[in-house]
């Protein structure tokens, strides 16, 4: 493949990514945090700061997880803390199934990486506008958890279908 073909392919790929990213009108917020290649320590937190202005329309909140085939469990436990602008803290413990009982990965993916999106809150309204902070902490018993590559937060408009 010539350099010109590679550049052309890269340009087209980049354009497709930009167009697909722009064609997500329901998304209010989405961000993913890369986990260090050596693993996720129990004392490390993934943090997401979200400015919420709409307290009228309901939304759905999702947790995004990207794992690789080296993840040695079928599920993933996560501590979630949500800090509101009013000073309230809501804490939850979430279990995300990444594989079935036969070891088949449940997420979408190609090769050795799989993306899973799990609903955290459905059809909810934020009580007040302002900055909300979502913090994730891995809740597995491993001091250094390997196989989780990214962890993320997605907030989108709740659409009745």
Protein backbone atom coordinates (compact mmCIF):
# COMPACT_ATOMS: atom_id res chain seq x y z
CA UNK A 1 0.00 0.00 0.00
CA UNK A 2 1.45 3.36 -0.98
CA UNK A 3 1.86 6.29 1.39
CA UNK A 4 -0.77 8.20 -0.56
CA UNK A 5 -3.28 5.36 -0.09
CA UNK A 6 -2.55 5.19 3.62
CA UNK A 7 -3.06 8.95 4.01
CA UNK A 8 -6.30 8.78 2.02
CA UNK A 9 -7.58 5.86 4.10
CA UNK A 10 -6.66 7.69 7.32
CA UNK A 11 -8.42 10.86 6.12
CA UNK A 12 -11.60 8.97 5.22
CA UNK A 13 -11.55 7.11 8.52
CA UNK A 14 -11.12 10.35 10.45
CA UNK A 15 -14.00 11.95 8.54
CA UNK A 16 -16.28 8.98 9.28
CA UNK A 17 -15.42 9.15 12.99
CA UNK A 18 -16.16 12.88 13.11
CA UNK A 19 -19.47 12.47 11.28
CA UNK A 20 -20.57 9.57 13.48
CA UNK A 21 -19.56 11.47 16.60
CA UNK A 22 -21.59 14.50 15.49
CA UNK A 23 -24.62 12.30 14.71
CA UNK A 24 -25.36 11.53 18.34
CA UNK A 25 -28.00 14.15 19.22
CA UNK A 26 -29.18 12.29 22.34
CA UNK A 27 -25.78 12.46 24.05
CA UNK A 28 -25.47 15.02 26.84
CA UNK A 29 -22.05 13.88 28.04
CA UNK A 30 -19.62 11.04 27.35
CA UNK A 31 -16.06 10.54 28.44
CA UNK A 32 -13.84 7.53 29.03
CA UNK A 33 -10.74 7.37 31.21
CA UNK A 34 -7.79 5.19 30.27
CA UNK A 35 -6.65 2.81 33.00
CA UNK A 36 -2.88 2.42 33.40
CA UNK A 37 -1.53 -0.61 31.47
CA UNK A 38 -0.12 -2.16 34.66
CA UNK A 39 -3.62 -2.20 36.20
CA UNK A 40 -6.17 -0.32 38.30
CA UNK A 41 -5.15 0.09 41.94
CA UNK A 42 -7.80 -0.04 44.66
CA UNK A 43 -6.91 3.50 45.80
CA UNK A 44 -7.24 5.08 42.33
CA UNK A 45 -10.44 6.76 41.20
CA UNK A 46 -11.78 7.66 37.79
CA UNK A 47 -13.41 11.10 37.98
CA UNK A 48 -15.95 12.73 35.66
CA UNK A 49 -17.15 16.32 36.10
CA UNK A 50 -20.40 17.10 34.32
CA UNK A 51 -22.16 20.47 34.06
CA UNK A 52 -25.92 19.85 34.12
CA UNK A 53 -28.25 22.67 33.13
CA UNK A 54 -31.48 20.77 32.37
CA UNK A 55 -33.48 19.66 35.41
CA UNK A 56 -36.74 19.17 33.46
CA UNK A 57 -36.07 16.44 30.91
CA UNK A 58 -35.23 12.89 32.04
CA UNK A 59 -32.00 11.19 31.03
CA UNK A 60 -30.28 7.82 31.17
CA UNK A 61 -26.86 7.33 32.75
CA UNK A 62 -24.57 4.53 31.57
CA UNK A 63 -21.26 3.10 32.71
CA UNK A 64 -18.85 2.18 29.92
CA UNK A 65 -16.24 -0.55 30.41
CA UNK A 66 -13.56 -1.71 27.99
CA UNK A 67 -11.84 -4.94 28.98
CA UNK A 68 -9.37 -7.19 27.24
CA UNK A 69 -9.13 -10.98 27.13
CA UNK A 70 -6.65 -10.93 30.02
CA UNK A 71 -9.41 -9.92 32.45
CA UNK A 72 -9.71 -13.01 34.64
CA UNK A 73 -13.26 -12.62 35.99
CA UNK A 74 -16.73 -12.80 34.47
CA UNK A 75 -18.04 -9.77 36.36
CA UNK A 76 -16.72 -6.41 37.51
CA UNK A 77 -17.67 -4.70 40.78
CA UNK A 78 -17.52 -0.94 40.92
CA UNK A 79 -18.08 1.65 43.66
CA UNK A 80 -19.83 4.75 42.29
CA UNK A 81 -20.06 8.05 44.17
CA UNK A 82 -22.09 10.93 42.74
CA UNK A 83 -21.52 14.39 44.25
CA UNK A 84 -24.25 16.94 43.53
CA UNK A 85 -23.86 20.74 43.40
CA UNK A 86 -26.04 20.87 46.54
CA UNK A 87 -23.40 18.93 48.51
CA UNK A 88 -25.24 15.60 48.55
CA UNK A 89 -23.37 12.34 47.96
CA UNK A 90 -25.04 9.23 46.56
CA UNK A 91 -23.03 6.02 46.76
CA UNK A 92 -23.72 2.75 45.02
CA UNK A 93 -22.06 -0.59 44.35
CA UNK A 94 -22.54 -1.87 40.80
CA UNK A 95 -21.96 -5.33 39.36
CA UNK A 96 -21.32 -5.40 35.61
CA UNK A 97 -21.37 -8.77 33.87
CA UNK A 98 -18.57 -8.89 31.31
CA UNK A 99 -18.78 -12.61 30.40
CA UNK A 100 -21.33 -15.39 30.64
CA UNK A 101 -20.88 -18.62 32.61
CA UNK A 102 -19.15 -20.23 29.62
CA UNK A 103 -16.55 -17.44 29.39
CA UNK A 104 -18.04 -15.74 26.32
CA UNK A 105 -17.50 -11.97 26.50
CA UNK A 106 -20.79 -10.05 26.54
CA UNK A 107 -19.49 -6.75 25.16
CA UNK A 108 -19.05 -5.69 21.58
CA UNK A 109 -15.59 -5.93 20.18
CA UNK A 110 -13.06 -7.23 17.77
CA UNK A 111 -9.99 -9.24 18.59
CA UNK A 112 -8.95 -8.95 22.21
CA UNK A 113 -10.95 -5.90 23.39
CA UNK A 114 -14.61 -5.69 24.36
CA UNK A 115 -16.84 -2.71 25.14
CA UNK A 116 -19.75 -3.06 27.56
CA UNK A 117 -22.27 -0.34 28.36
CA UNK A 118 -24.50 -0.84 31.40
CA UNK A 119 -27.43 1.30 32.45
CA UNK A 120 -26.76 2.93 35.82
CA UNK A 121 -29.85 5.17 36.09
CA UNK A 122 -32.81 5.16 33.72
CA UNK A 123 -35.35 7.93 33.14
CA UNK A 124 -34.01 10.15 35.93
CA UNK A 125 -34.01 13.89 36.37
CA UNK A 126 -31.17 15.80 37.99
CA UNK A 127 -32.68 17.66 40.97
CA UNK A 128 -30.59 20.84 40.64
CA UNK A 129 -28.44 22.35 37.92
CA UNK A 130 -24.69 22.74 38.35
CA UNK A 131 -21.56 20.60 38.42
CA UNK A 132 -21.99 16.91 39.26
CA UNK A 133 -18.96 14.75 39.95
CA UNK A 134 -19.04 11.00 39.30
CA UNK A 135 -16.23 8.97 40.86
CA UNK A 136 -15.55 5.30 40.15
CA UNK A 137 -13.42 3.02 42.26
CA UNK A 138 -12.79 -0.61 41.36
CA UNK A 139 -14.33 -2.86 43.98
CA UNK A 140 -12.67 -6.15 43.10
CA UNK A 141 -10.51 -7.85 45.71
CA UNK A 142 -7.36 -7.41 43.63
CA UNK A 143 -4.99 -4.73 44.90
CA UNK A 144 -3.97 -4.24 41.25
CA UNK A 145 -6.76 -5.19 38.82
CA UNK A 146 -5.59 -6.04 35.30
CA UNK A 147 -7.61 -6.42 32.11
CA UNK A 148 -9.76 -3.28 32.43
CA UNK A 149 -8.49 -0.75 29.88
CA UNK A 150 -11.04 2.08 30.01
CA UNK A 151 -13.89 3.14 32.25
CA UNK A 152 -16.43 5.77 31.27
CA UNK A 153 -19.62 7.70 31.82
CA UNK A 154 -22.35 8.45 29.31
CA UNK A 155 -25.40 10.62 29.95
CA UNK A 156 -28.04 10.84 27.25
CA UNK A 157 -31.58 12.11 26.82
CA UNK A 158 -34.23 9.56 27.75
CA UNK A 159 -36.24 8.95 24.60
CA UNK A 160 -39.54 7.09 24.82
CA UNK A 161 -39.71 4.63 21.94
